[in-house]
Amino acid sequence: MSKSTRGLFDEQFRLEKISKQNDPLEKLKAHIDFEFFRKPLEEYFIKDKE
């Protein structure tokens, strides 16, 4: 398997490794509802494409 080929569980293993290193995004996720930002961001990027 070459370095550019990803295995079935590579993404899961990568996320687990980051979690074990105290991922700051996991801490933020516990306090911030990121879905709140979805609609404004989607509207912004859709306008940007037009």
N, C-alpha and C. Protein backbone atom coordinates (compact mmCIF):
# COMPACT_ATOMS: atom_id res chain seq x y z
N MET A 1 0.84 -1.17 0.00
CA MET A 1 0.00 0.00 0.00
C MET A 1 0.89 1.24 0.00
N SER A 2 0.65 2.16 -0.90
CA SER A 2 1.47 3.37 -0.96
C SER A 2 0.98 4.38 0.08
N LYS A 3 1.76 5.41 0.29
CA LYS A 3 1.41 6.43 1.28
C LYS A 3 0.14 7.19 0.89
N SER A 4 -0.15 7.32 -0.37
CA SER A 4 -1.31 8.08 -0.81
C SER A 4 -2.61 7.28 -0.72
N THR A 5 -2.52 5.98 -0.56
CA THR A 5 -3.70 5.14 -0.45
C THR A 5 -4.14 5.07 1.01
N ARG A 6 -5.39 5.41 1.24
CA ARG A 6 -5.92 5.38 2.61
C ARG A 6 -6.65 4.08 2.84
N GLY A 7 -6.46 3.55 4.03
CA GLY A 7 -7.16 2.34 4.42
C GLY A 7 -8.54 2.66 4.95
N LEU A 8 -9.30 1.63 5.20
CA LEU A 8 -10.68 1.77 5.64
C LEU A 8 -10.78 2.52 6.97
N PHE A 9 -9.86 2.29 7.88
CA PHE A 9 -9.96 2.88 9.21
C PHE A 9 -8.92 3.98 9.46
N ASP A 10 -8.19 4.42 8.45
CA ASP A 10 -7.15 5.42 8.64
C ASP A 10 -7.68 6.70 9.27
N GLU A 11 -8.83 7.18 8.81
CA GLU A 11 -9.40 8.42 9.34
C GLU A 11 -9.76 8.24 10.81
N GLN A 12 -10.36 7.12 11.14
CA GLN A 12 -10.73 6.86 12.54
C GLN A 12 -9.48 6.81 13.41
N PHE A 13 -8.44 6.14 12.97
CA PHE A 13 -7.20 6.04 13.75
C PHE A 13 -6.56 7.42 13.93
N ARG A 14 -6.61 8.23 12.88
CA ARG A 14 -6.04 9.58 12.96
C ARG A 14 -6.78 10.41 14.00
N LEU A 15 -8.12 10.35 13.99
CA LEU A 15 -8.91 11.11 14.95
C LEU A 15 -8.70 10.61 16.38
N GLU A 16 -8.57 9.31 16.56
CA GLU A 16 -8.30 8.77 17.88
C GLU A 16 -6.94 9.24 18.40
N LYS A 17 -5.96 9.28 17.53
CA LYS A 17 -4.63 9.74 17.91
C LYS A 17 -4.66 11.21 18.34
N ILE A 18 -5.40 12.03 17.59
CA ILE A 18 -5.53 13.44 17.93
C ILE A 18 -6.27 13.60 19.26
N SER A 19 -7.31 12.81 19.47
CA SER A 19 -8.08 12.88 20.72
C SER A 19 -7.21 12.55 21.93
N LYS A 20 -6.34 11.58 21.79
CA LYS A 20 -5.45 11.20 22.90
C LYS A 20 -4.47 12.31 23.24
N GLN A 21 -4.25 13.23 22.28
CA GLN A 21 -3.32 14.34 22.50
C GLN A 21 -4.06 15.60 22.94
N ASN A 22 -5.28 15.43 23.48
CA ASN A 22 -6.09 16.55 23.97
C ASN A 22 -6.41 17.57 22.88
N ASP A 23 -7.13 17.13 21.89
CA ASP A 23 -7.54 17.97 20.77
C ASP A 23 -8.33 19.19 21.26
N PRO A 24 -7.86 20.39 21.01
CA PRO A 24 -8.56 21.59 21.47
C PRO A 24 -9.94 21.77 20.82
N LEU A 25 -10.13 21.24 19.64
CA LEU A 25 -11.44 21.36 19.00
C LEU A 25 -12.51 20.55 19.73
N GLU A 26 -12.13 19.45 20.33
CA GLU A 26 -13.08 18.67 21.12
C GLU A 26 -13.53 19.46 22.34
N LYS A 27 -12.61 20.19 22.95
CA LYS A 27 -12.97 21.01 24.11
C LYS A 27 -13.90 22.14 23.69
N LEU A 28 -13.64 22.77 22.57
CA LEU A 28 -14.51 23.83 22.07
C LEU A 28 -15.89 23.29 21.72
N LYS A 29 -15.92 22.13 21.11
CA LYS A 29 -17.19 21.52 20.71
C LYS A 29 -18.10 21.28 21.91
N ALA A 30 -17.52 21.04 23.06
CA ALA A 30 -18.32 20.82 24.26
C ALA A 30 -19.02 22.10 24.72
N HIS A 31 -18.53 23.27 24.29
CA HIS A 31 -19.08 24.54 24.74
C HIS A 31 -19.74 25.36 23.64
N ILE A 32 -19.45 25.05 22.39
CA ILE A 32 -19.95 25.85 21.27
C ILE A 32 -20.75 24.97 20.33
N ASP A 33 -21.93 25.44 19.96
CA ASP A 33 -22.75 24.75 18.98
C ASP A 33 -22.37 25.28 17.60
N PHE A 34 -21.53 24.55 16.90
CA PHE A 34 -21.03 25.01 15.61
C PHE A 34 -22.11 25.03 14.53
N GLU A 35 -23.21 24.31 14.75
CA GLU A 35 -24.32 24.33 13.79
C GLU A 35 -24.92 25.73 13.71
N PHE A 36 -24.76 26.52 14.74
CA PHE A 36 -25.23 27.90 14.75
C PHE A 36 -24.63 28.71 13.61
N PHE A 37 -23.42 28.37 13.20
CA PHE A 37 -22.70 29.11 12.17
C PHE A 37 -22.92 28.57 10.76
N ARG A 38 -23.58 27.41 10.65
CA ARG A 38 -23.73 26.76 9.35
C ARG A 38 -24.45 27.64 8.33
N LYS A 39 -25.63 28.15 8.67
CA LYS A 39 -26.43 28.91 7.71
C LYS A 39 -25.70 30.18 7.21
N PRO A 40 -25.16 31.02 8.11
CA PRO A 40 -24.44 32.20 7.60
C PRO A 40 -23.23 31.85 6.74
N LEU A 41 -22.53 30.79 7.11
CA LEU A 41 -21.36 30.39 6.32
C LEU A 41 -21.78 29.87 4.95
N GLU A 42 -22.82 29.06 4.91
CA GLU A 42 -23.30 28.55 3.62
C GLU A 42 -23.77 29.69 2.73
N GLU A 43 -24.50 30.65 3.30
CA GLU A 43 -24.96 31.80 2.52
C GLU A 43 -23.78 32.60 1.98
N TYR A 44 -22.78 32.80 2.80
CA TYR A 44 -21.60 33.55 2.38
C TYR A 44 -20.89 32.85 1.22
N PHE A 45 -20.67 31.57 1.35
CA PHE A 45 -19.91 30.86 0.33
C PHE A 45 -20.72 30.65 -0.94
N ILE A 46 -22.03 30.56 -0.83
CA ILE A 46 -22.86 30.46 -2.03
C ILE A 46 -22.81 31.78 -2.80
N LYS A 47 -22.88 32.91 -2.10
CA LYS A 47 -22.76 34.23 -2.75
C LYS A 47 -21.41 34.37 -3.42
N ASP A 48 -20.37 33.87 -2.76
CA ASP A 48 -19.01 33.99 -3.25
C ASP A 48 -18.84 33.23 -4.58
N LYS A 49 -19.57 32.13 -4.76
CA LYS A 49 -19.45 31.33 -5.99
C LYS A 49 -20.16 31.99 -7.16
N GLU A 50 -21.18 32.80 -6.89
CA GLU A 50 -21.97 33.41 -7.98
C GLU A 50 -21.29 34.55 -8.62
